[in-house]
Amino acid sequence: EHDGNHVAPHDVQIDLKAVQALFTSEPEMHPF
Protein backbone atom coordinates (compact mmCIF):
# COMPACT_ATOMS: atom_id res chain seq x y z
CA GLU A 1 0.00 0.00 0.00
CA HIS A 2 1.66 3.21 -1.18
CA ASP A 3 -0.33 5.71 0.89
CA GLY A 4 2.49 8.16 1.61
CA ASN A 5 2.80 7.00 5.24
CA HIS A 6 4.30 3.53 4.74
CA VAL A 7 7.39 2.38 2.88
CA ALA A 8 8.88 -1.09 2.40
CA PRO A 9 9.16 -3.31 4.34
CA HIS A 10 6.39 -1.73 6.45
CA ASP A 11 3.75 -1.52 3.72
CA VAL A 12 2.31 -5.00 3.11
CA GLN A 13 -1.47 -5.43 3.46
CA ILE A 14 -3.51 -8.62 3.52
CA ASP A 15 -6.97 -8.96 1.96
CA LEU A 16 -8.84 -10.40 4.94
CA LYS A 17 -12.08 -11.01 3.06
CA ALA A 18 -10.16 -13.23 0.63
CA VAL A 19 -8.62 -15.13 3.55
CA GLN A 20 -12.05 -15.60 5.11
CA ALA A 21 -13.28 -17.14 1.85
CA LEU A 22 -10.65 -19.90 2.20
CA PHE A 23 -12.35 -21.46 5.25
CA THR A 24 -14.17 -24.71 4.48
CA SER A 25 -15.14 -25.48 8.09
CA GLU A 26 -15.35 -23.76 11.46
CA PRO A 27 -12.63 -24.37 14.07
CA GLU A 28 -13.49 -25.30 17.65
CA MET A 29 -14.45 -22.31 19.78
CA HIS A 30 -12.81 -21.58 23.13
CA PRO A 31 -15.13 -18.92 24.59
CA PHE A 32 -14.19 -16.62 27.44
PDB file of all heavy atoms in Angstrom:
ATOM      1  N   GLU A   1       0.839  -1.187   0.000  1.00  0.00           N
ATOM      2  CA  GLU A   1       0.000   0.000   0.000  1.00  0.00           C
ATOM      3  C   GLU A   1       0.884   1.252   0.000  1.00  0.00           C
ATOM      4  O   GLU A   1       1.595   1.512   0.969  1.00  0.00           O
ATOM      5  CB  GLU A   1      -0.908   0.007   1.233  1.00  0.00           C
ATOM      6  CG  GLU A   1      -1.782   1.229   1.354  1.00  0.00           C
ATOM      7  CD  GLU A   1      -2.728   1.391   0.183  1.00  0.00           C
ATOM      8  OE1 GLU A   1      -3.272   0.373  -0.291  1.00  0.00           O
ATOM      9  OE2 GLU A   1      -2.918   2.544  -0.256  1.00  0.00           O
ATOM     10  N   HIS A   2       0.854   1.992  -1.070  1.00  0.00           N
ATOM     11  CA  HIS A   2       1.660   3.213  -1.181  1.00  0.00           C
ATOM     12  C   HIS A   2       0.757   4.403  -0.856  1.00  0.00           C
ATOM     13  O   HIS A   2       0.233   5.074  -1.739  1.00  0.00           O
ATOM     14  CB  HIS A   2       2.251   3.321  -2.583  1.00  0.00           C
ATOM     15  CG  HIS A   2       3.114   2.138  -2.942  1.00  0.00           C
ATOM     16  ND1 HIS A   2       4.309   1.874  -2.331  1.00  0.00           N
ATOM     17  CD2 HIS A   2       2.928   1.123  -3.831  1.00  0.00           C
ATOM     18  CE1 HIS A   2       4.844   0.767  -2.835  1.00  0.00           C
ATOM     19  NE2 HIS A   2       4.021   0.288  -3.736  1.00  0.00           N
ATOM     20  N   ASP A   3       0.578   4.653   0.450  1.00  0.00           N
ATOM     21  CA  ASP A   3      -0.326   5.709   0.893  1.00  0.00           C
ATOM     22  C   ASP A   3       0.396   6.966   1.346  1.00  0.00           C
ATOM     23  O   ASP A   3      -0.222   7.901   1.854  1.00  0.00           O
ATOM     24  CB  ASP A   3      -1.212   5.199   2.028  1.00  0.00           C
ATOM     25  CG  ASP A   3      -0.393   4.719   3.232  1.00  0.00           C
ATOM     26  OD1 ASP A   3       0.849   4.831   3.201  1.00  0.00           O
ATOM     27  OD2 ASP A   3      -1.002   4.245   4.213  1.00  0.00           O
ATOM     28  N   GLY A   4       1.719   6.998   1.181  1.00  0.00           N
ATOM     29  CA  GLY A   4       2.487   8.158   1.605  1.00  0.00           C
ATOM     30  C   GLY A   4       2.957   8.079   3.043  1.00  0.00           C
ATOM     31  O   GLY A   4       3.818   8.849   3.453  1.00  0.00           O
ATOM     32  N   ASN A   5       2.404   7.148   3.835  1.00  0.00           N
ATOM     33  CA  ASN A   5       2.802   6.998   5.235  1.00  0.00           C
ATOM     34  C   ASN A   5       3.625   5.742   5.488  1.00  0.00           C
ATOM     35  O   ASN A   5       4.235   5.613   6.541  1.00  0.00           O
ATOM     36  CB  ASN A   5       1.560   6.953   6.133  1.00  0.00           C
ATOM     37  CG  ASN A   5       0.826   8.271   6.185  1.00  0.00           C
ATOM     38  OD1 ASN A   5       1.443   9.323   6.240  1.00  0.00           O
ATOM     39  ND2 ASN A   5      -0.496   8.223   6.143  1.00  0.00           N
ATOM     40  N   HIS A   6       3.612   4.804   4.550  1.00  0.00           N
ATOM     41  CA  HIS A   6       4.300   3.530   4.739  1.00  0.00           C
ATOM     42  C   HIS A   6       5.241   3.263   3.569  1.00  0.00           C
ATOM     43  O   HIS A   6       4.882   3.479   2.416  1.00  0.00           O
ATOM     44  CB  HIS A   6       3.297   2.374   4.839  1.00  0.00           C
ATOM     45  CG  HIS A   6       2.360   2.491   5.997  1.00  0.00           C
ATOM     46  ND1 HIS A   6       1.234   3.290   5.981  1.00  0.00           N
ATOM     47  CD2 HIS A   6       2.372   1.890   7.228  1.00  0.00           C
ATOM     48  CE1 HIS A   6       0.600   3.181   7.137  1.00  0.00           C
ATOM     49  NE2 HIS A   6       1.264   2.333   7.908  1.00  0.00           N
ATOM     50  N   VAL A   7       6.439   2.789   3.902  1.00  0.00           N
ATOM     51  CA  VAL A   7       7.395   2.382   2.877  1.00  0.00           C
ATOM     52  C   VAL A   7       7.870   0.970   3.205  1.00  0.00           C
ATOM     53  O   VAL A   7       7.750   0.505   4.337  1.00  0.00           O
ATOM     54  CB  VAL A   7       8.608   3.343   2.810  1.00  0.00           C
ATOM     55  CG1 VAL A   7       8.162   4.747   2.405  1.00  0.00           C
ATOM     56  CG2 VAL A   7       9.335   3.389   4.155  1.00  0.00           C
ATOM     57  N   ALA A   8       8.388   0.280   2.212  1.00  0.00           N
ATOM     58  CA  ALA A   8       8.875  -1.088   2.405  1.00  0.00           C
ATOM     59  C   ALA A   8       9.985  -1.103   3.460  1.00  0.00           C
ATOM     60  O   ALA A   8      10.799  -0.187   3.512  1.00  0.00           O
ATOM     61  CB  ALA A   8       9.394  -1.644   1.090  1.00  0.00           C
ATOM     62  N   PRO A   9      10.009  -2.108   4.331  1.00  0.00           N
ATOM     63  CA  PRO A   9       9.159  -3.314   4.336  1.00  0.00           C
ATOM     64  C   PRO A   9       7.897  -3.182   5.194  1.00  0.00           C
ATOM     65  O   PRO A   9       7.281  -4.185   5.533  1.00  0.00           O
ATOM     66  CB  PRO A   9      10.091  -4.353   4.932  1.00  0.00           C
ATOM     67  CG  PRO A   9      10.879  -3.569   5.954  1.00  0.00           C
ATOM     68  CD  PRO A   9      11.104  -2.216   5.324  1.00  0.00           C
ATOM     69  N   HIS A  10       7.507  -1.945   5.522  1.00  0.00           N
ATOM     70  CA  HIS A  10       6.392  -1.729   6.449  1.00  0.00           C
ATOM     71  C   HIS A  10       5.109  -1.369   5.703  1.00  0.00           C
ATOM     72  O   HIS A  10       4.317  -0.556   6.171  1.00  0.00           O
ATOM     73  CB  HIS A  10       6.744  -0.596   7.419  1.00  0.00           C
ATOM     74  CG  HIS A  10       8.121  -0.668   7.991  1.00  0.00           C
ATOM     75  ND1 HIS A  10       8.511  -1.653   8.869  1.00  0.00           N
ATOM     76  CD2 HIS A  10       9.219   0.111   7.788  1.00  0.00           C
ATOM     77  CE1 HIS A  10       9.787  -1.464   9.199  1.00  0.00           C
ATOM     78  NE2 HIS A  10      10.239  -0.406   8.558  1.00  0.00           N
ATOM     79  N   ASP A  11       4.866  -1.973   4.546  1.00  0.00           N
ATOM     80  CA  ASP A  11       3.749  -1.516   3.717  1.00  0.00           C
ATOM     81  C   ASP A  11       2.889  -2.650   3.152  1.00  0.00           C
ATOM     82  O   ASP A  11       2.092  -2.421   2.244  1.00  0.00           O
ATOM     83  CB  ASP A  11       4.275  -0.661   2.561  1.00  0.00           C
ATOM     84  CG  ASP A  11       5.236  -1.417   1.659  1.00  0.00           C
ATOM     85  OD1 ASP A  11       5.655  -2.538   2.033  1.00  0.00           O
ATOM     86  OD2 ASP A  11       5.573  -0.892   0.576  1.00  0.00           O
ATOM     87  N   VAL A  12       3.029  -3.854   3.677  1.00  0.00           N
ATOM     88  CA  VAL A  12       2.307  -4.997   3.111  1.00  0.00           C
ATOM     89  C   VAL A  12       0.945  -5.160   3.781  1.00  0.00           C
ATOM     90  O   VAL A  12       0.852  -5.260   5.006  1.00  0.00           O
ATOM     91  CB  VAL A  12       3.119  -6.293   3.257  1.00  0.00           C
ATOM     92  CG1 VAL A  12       2.318  -7.487   2.741  1.00  0.00           C
ATOM     93  CG2 VAL A  12       4.443  -6.179   2.507  1.00  0.00           C
ATOM     94  N   GLN A  13      -0.122  -5.203   2.973  1.00  0.00           N
ATOM     95  CA  GLN A  13      -1.474  -5.431   3.462  1.00  0.00           C
ATOM     96  C   GLN A  13      -1.954  -6.817   3.049  1.00  0.00           C
ATOM     97  O   GLN A  13      -1.525  -7.351   2.033  1.00  0.00           O
ATOM     98  CB  GLN A  13      -2.444  -4.403   2.888  1.00  0.00           C
ATOM     99  CG  GLN A  13      -2.354  -3.015   3.481  1.00  0.00           C
ATOM    100  CD  GLN A  13      -3.515  -2.136   3.027  1.00  0.00           C
ATOM    101  OE1 GLN A  13      -4.294  -2.518   2.155  1.00  0.00           O
ATOM    102  NE2 GLN A  13      -3.641  -0.957   3.613  1.00  0.00           N
ATOM    103  N   ILE A  14      -2.877  -7.351   3.847  1.00  0.00           N
ATOM    104  CA  ILE A  14      -3.515  -8.623   3.524  1.00  0.00           C
ATOM    105  C   ILE A  14      -5.005  -8.388   3.292  1.00  0.00           C
ATOM    106  O   ILE A  14      -5.648  -7.654   4.043  1.00  0.00           O
ATOM    107  CB  ILE A  14      -3.312  -9.671   4.665  1.00  0.00           C
ATOM    108  CG1 ILE A  14      -4.038 -10.982   4.335  1.00  0.00           C
ATOM    109  CG2 ILE A  14      -3.764  -9.131   6.013  1.00  0.00           C
ATOM    110  CD1 ILE A  14      -3.516 -11.707   3.128  1.00  0.00           C
ATOM    111  N   ASP A  15      -5.543  -9.015   2.266  1.00  0.00           N
ATOM    112  CA  ASP A  15      -6.966  -8.961   1.961  1.00  0.00           C
ATOM    113  C   ASP A  15      -7.675  -9.971   2.858  1.00  0.00           C
ATOM    114  O   ASP A  15      -7.702 -11.177   2.567  1.00  0.00           O
ATOM    115  CB  ASP A  15      -7.177  -9.292   0.484  1.00  0.00           C
ATOM    116  CG  ASP A  15      -8.629  -9.217   0.055  1.00  0.00           C
ATOM    117  OD1 ASP A  15      -9.519  -9.255   0.929  1.00  0.00           O
ATOM    118  OD2 ASP A  15      -8.875  -9.146  -1.167  1.00  0.00           O
ATOM    119  N   LEU A  16      -8.253  -9.492   3.958  1.00  0.00           N
ATOM    120  CA  LEU A  16      -8.844 -10.397   4.943  1.00  0.00           C
ATOM    121  C   LEU A  16     -10.111 -11.073   4.437  1.00  0.00           C
ATOM    122  O   LEU A  16     -10.407 -12.206   4.814  1.00  0.00           O
ATOM    123  CB  LEU A  16      -9.135  -9.648   6.236  1.00  0.00           C
ATOM    124  CG  LEU A  16      -7.923  -9.261   7.090  1.00  0.00           C
ATOM    125  CD1 LEU A  16      -8.374  -8.563   8.363  1.00  0.00           C
ATOM    126  CD2 LEU A  16      -7.078 -10.478   7.443  1.00  0.00           C
ATOM    127  N   LYS A  17     -10.868 -10.396   3.604  1.00  0.00           N
ATOM    128  CA  LYS A  17     -12.082 -11.011   3.058  1.00  0.00           C
ATOM    129  C   LYS A  17     -11.714 -12.217   2.190  1.00  0.00           C
ATOM    130  O   LYS A  17     -12.412 -13.238   2.196  1.00  0.00           O
ATOM    131  CB  LYS A  17     -12.872  -9.992   2.246  1.00  0.00           C
ATOM    132  CG  LYS A  17     -13.348  -8.789   3.047  1.00  0.00           C
ATOM    133  CD  LYS A  17     -14.363  -9.181   4.116  1.00  0.00           C
ATOM    134  CE  LYS A  17     -14.951  -7.942   4.787  1.00  0.00           C
ATOM    135  NZ  LYS A  17     -15.892  -8.282   5.863  1.00  0.00           N
ATOM    136  N   ALA A  18     -10.607 -12.108   1.452  1.00  0.00           N
ATOM    137  CA  ALA A  18     -10.159 -13.227   0.628  1.00  0.00           C
ATOM    138  C   ALA A  18      -9.690 -14.387   1.502  1.00  0.00           C
ATOM    139  O   ALA A  18      -9.913 -15.557   1.165  1.00  0.00           O
ATOM    140  CB  ALA A  18      -9.042 -12.775  -0.312  1.00  0.00           C
ATOM    141  N   VAL A  19      -9.040 -14.079   2.627  1.00  0.00           N
ATOM    142  CA  VAL A  19      -8.622 -15.132   3.551  1.00  0.00           C
ATOM    143  C   VAL A  19      -9.850 -15.816   4.148  1.00  0.00           C
ATOM    144  O   VAL A  19      -9.913 -17.048   4.243  1.00  0.00           O
ATOM    145  CB  VAL A  19      -7.730 -14.563   4.669  1.00  0.00           C
ATOM    146  CG1 VAL A  19      -7.417 -15.647   5.705  1.00  0.00           C
ATOM    147  CG2 VAL A  19      -6.435 -13.993   4.095  1.00  0.00           C
ATOM    148  N   GLN A  20     -10.834 -15.031   4.532  1.00  0.00           N
ATOM    149  CA  GLN A  20     -12.046 -15.599   5.112  1.00  0.00           C
ATOM    150  C   GLN A  20     -12.725 -16.573   4.149  1.00  0.00           C
ATOM    151  O   GLN A  20     -13.283 -17.591   4.574  1.00  0.00           O
ATOM    152  CB  GLN A  20     -13.013 -14.475   5.494  1.00  0.00           C
ATOM    153  CG  GLN A  20     -14.234 -14.943   6.258  1.00  0.00           C
ATOM    154  CD  GLN A  20     -15.151 -13.798   6.631  1.00  0.00           C
ATOM    155  OE1 GLN A  20     -15.243 -12.799   5.934  1.00  0.00           O
ATOM    156  NE2 GLN A  20     -15.841 -13.931   7.753  1.00  0.00           N
ATOM    157  N   ALA A  21     -12.641 -16.283   2.860  1.00  0.00           N
ATOM    158  CA  ALA A  21     -13.278 -17.140   1.850  1.00  0.00           C
ATOM    159  C   ALA A  21     -12.587 -18.493   1.725  1.00  0.00           C
ATOM    160  O   ALA A  21     -13.145 -19.425   1.127  1.00  0.00           O
ATOM    161  CB  ALA A  21     -13.289 -16.421   0.504  1.00  0.00           C
ATOM    162  N   LEU A  22     -11.386 -18.638   2.297  1.00  0.00           N
ATOM    163  CA  LEU A  22     -10.646 -19.896   2.202  1.00  0.00           C
ATOM    164  C   LEU A  22     -11.129 -20.937   3.217  1.00  0.00           C
ATOM    165  O   LEU A  22     -10.814 -22.122   3.084  1.00  0.00           O
ATOM    166  CB  LEU A  22      -9.149 -19.643   2.410  1.00  0.00           C
ATOM    167  CG  LEU A  22      -8.457 -18.764   1.362  1.00  0.00           C
ATOM    168  CD1 LEU A  22      -7.018 -18.479   1.780  1.00  0.00           C
ATOM    169  CD2 LEU A  22      -8.485 -19.422  -0.003  1.00  0.00           C
ATOM    170  N   PHE A  23     -11.874 -20.520   4.239  1.00  0.00           N
ATOM    171  CA  PHE A  23     -12.350 -21.462   5.251  1.00  0.00           C
ATOM    172  C   PHE A  23     -13.362 -22.422   4.638  1.00  0.00           C
ATOM    173  O   PHE A  23     -14.287 -22.004   3.944  1.00  0.00           O
ATOM    174  CB  PHE A  23     -13.013 -20.712   6.408  1.00  0.00           C
ATOM    175  CG  PHE A  23     -12.061 -20.106   7.402  1.00  0.00           C
ATOM    176  CD1 PHE A  23     -11.414 -18.910   7.124  1.00  0.00           C
ATOM    177  CD2 PHE A  23     -11.819 -20.721   8.618  1.00  0.00           C
ATOM    178  CE1 PHE A  23     -10.548 -18.335   8.031  1.00  0.00           C
ATOM    179  CE2 PHE A  23     -10.950 -20.159   9.543  1.00  0.00           C
ATOM    180  CZ  PHE A  23     -10.313 -18.962   9.251  1.00  0.00           C
ATOM    181  N   THR A  24     -13.192 -23.700   4.919  1.00  0.00           N
ATOM    182  CA  THR A  24     -14.168 -24.713   4.479  1.00  0.00           C
ATOM    183  C   THR A  24     -14.909 -25.325   5.662  1.00  0.00           C
ATOM    184  O   THR A  24     -15.847 -26.094   5.476  1.00  0.00           O
ATOM    185  CB  THR A  24     -13.460 -25.831   3.696  1.00  0.00           C
ATOM    186  OG1 THR A  24     -12.446 -26.415   4.526  1.00  0.00           O
ATOM    187  CG2 THR A  24     -12.819 -25.274   2.420  1.00  0.00           C
ATOM    188  N   SER A  25     -14.469 -25.006   6.877  1.00  0.00           N
ATOM    189  CA  SER A  25     -15.138 -25.480   8.089  1.00  0.00           C
ATOM    190  C   SER A  25     -14.823 -24.508   9.214  1.00  0.00           C
ATOM    191  O   SER A  25     -13.924 -23.665   9.093  1.00  0.00           O
ATOM    192  CB  SER A  25     -14.677 -26.897   8.459  1.00  0.00           C
ATOM    193  OG  SER A  25     -13.290 -26.909   8.738  1.00  0.00           O
ATOM    194  N   GLU A  26     -15.554 -24.636  10.315  1.00  0.00           N
ATOM    195  CA  GLU A  26     -15.350 -23.756  11.457  1.00  0.00           C
ATOM    196  C   GLU A  26     -14.494 -24.458  12.513  1.00  0.00           C
ATOM    197  O   GLU A  26     -14.776 -25.601  12.880  1.00  0.00           O
ATOM    198  CB  GLU A  26     -16.685 -23.340  12.065  1.00  0.00           C
ATOM    199  CG  GLU A  26     -17.548 -22.513  11.131  1.00  0.00           C
ATOM    200  CD  GLU A  26     -18.792 -21.982  11.831  1.00  0.00           C
ATOM    201  OE1 GLU A  26     -18.706 -21.650  13.029  1.00  0.00           O
ATOM    202  OE2 GLU A  26     -19.847 -21.909  11.175  1.00  0.00           O
ATOM    203  N   PRO A  27     -13.450 -23.779  13.013  1.00  0.00           N
ATOM    204  CA  PRO A  27     -12.633 -24.371  14.074  1.00  0.00           C
ATOM    205  C   PRO A  27     -13.430 -24.480  15.373  1.00  0.00           C
ATOM    206  O   PRO A  27     -14.519 -23.923  15.508  1.00  0.00           O
ATOM    207  CB  PRO A  27     -11.483 -23.362  14.235  1.00  0.00           C
ATOM    208  CG  PRO A  27     -11.551 -22.476  13.038  1.00  0.00           C
ATOM    209  CD  PRO A  27     -12.973 -22.453  12.602  1.00  0.00           C
ATOM    210  N   GLU A  28     -12.869 -25.193  16.331  1.00  0.00           N
ATOM    211  CA  GLU A  28     -13.494 -25.302  17.649  1.00  0.00           C
ATOM    212  C   GLU A  28     -13.373 -23.978  18.377  1.00  0.00           C
ATOM    213  O   GLU A  28     -12.318 -23.335  18.375  1.00  0.00           O
ATOM    214  CB  GLU A  28     -12.813 -26.399  18.465  1.00  0.00           C
ATOM    215  CG  GLU A  28     -13.413 -26.599  19.846  1.00  0.00           C
ATOM    216  CD  GLU A  28     -12.694 -27.676  20.648  1.00  0.00           C
ATOM    217  OE1 GLU A  28     -11.778 -28.319  20.090  1.00  0.00           O
ATOM    218  OE2 GLU A  28     -13.053 -27.866  21.828  1.00  0.00           O
ATOM    219  N   MET A  29     -14.463 -23.558  19.009  1.00  0.00           N
ATOM    220  CA  MET A  29     -14.446 -22.314  19.778  1.00  0.00           C
ATOM    221  C   MET A  29     -13.925 -22.560  21.187  1.00  0.00           C
ATOM    222  O   MET A  29     -14.149 -23.614  21.772  1.00  0.00           O
ATOM    223  CB  MET A  29     -15.859 -21.723  19.866  1.00  0.00           C
ATOM    224  CG  MET A  29     -16.455 -21.274  18.551  1.00  0.00           C
ATOM    225  SD  MET A  29     -18.059 -20.459  18.861  1.00  0.00           S
ATOM    226  CE  MET A  29     -18.671 -20.291  17.177  1.00  0.00           C
ATOM    227  N   HIS A  30     -13.249 -21.552  21.728  1.00  0.00           N
ATOM    228  CA  HIS A  30     -12.812 -21.576  23.127  1.00  0.00           C
ATOM    229  C   HIS A  30     -13.293 -20.284  23.782  1.00  0.00           C
ATOM    230  O   HIS A  30     -12.503 -19.353  24.010  1.00  0.00           O
ATOM    231  CB  HIS A  30     -11.292 -21.682  23.227  1.00  0.00           C
ATOM    232  CG  HIS A  30     -10.732 -22.969  22.728  1.00  0.00           C
ATOM    233  ND1 HIS A  30     -11.035 -24.187  23.282  1.00  0.00           N
ATOM    234  CD2 HIS A  30      -9.873 -23.236  21.702  1.00  0.00           C
ATOM    235  CE1 HIS A  30     -10.392 -25.157  22.641  1.00  0.00           C
ATOM    236  NE2 HIS A  30      -9.692 -24.603  21.669  1.00  0.00           N
ATOM    237  N   PRO A  31     -14.579 -20.190  24.101  1.00  0.00           N
ATOM    238  CA  PRO A  31     -15.132 -18.924  24.590  1.00  0.00           C
ATOM    239  C   PRO A  31     -14.577 -18.504  25.948  1.00  0.00           C
ATOM    240  O   PRO A  31     -14.289 -19.339  26.816  1.00  0.00           O
ATOM    241  CB  PRO A  31     -16.638 -19.206  24.693  1.00  0.00           C
ATOM    242  CG  PRO A  31     -16.870 -20.431  23.869  1.00  0.00           C
ATOM    243  CD  PRO A  31     -15.614 -21.226  23.979  1.00  0.00           C
ATOM    244  N   PHE A  32     -14.442 -17.191  26.124  1.00  0.00           N
ATOM    245  CA  PHE A  32     -14.185 -16.622  27.438  1.00  0.00           C
ATOM    246  C   PHE A  32     -15.501 -16.588  28.230  1.00  0.00           C
ATOM    247  O   PHE A  32     -16.589 -16.716  27.663  1.00  0.00           O
ATOM    248  CB  PHE A  32     -13.667 -15.180  27.312  1.00  0.00           C
ATOM    249  CG  PHE A  32     -12.265 -15.062  26.784  1.00  0.00           C
ATOM    250  CD1 PHE A  32     -12.000 -14.265  25.679  1.00  0.00           C
ATOM    251  CD2 PHE A  32     -11.203 -15.702  27.405  1.00  0.00           C
ATOM    252  CE1 PHE A  32     -10.705 -14.120  25.192  1.00  0.00           C
ATOM    253  CE2 PHE A  32      -9.907 -15.565  26.927  1.00  0.00           C
ATOM    254  CZ  PHE A  32      -9.656 -14.768  25.820  1.00  0.00           C
TER     255      PHE A  32
END
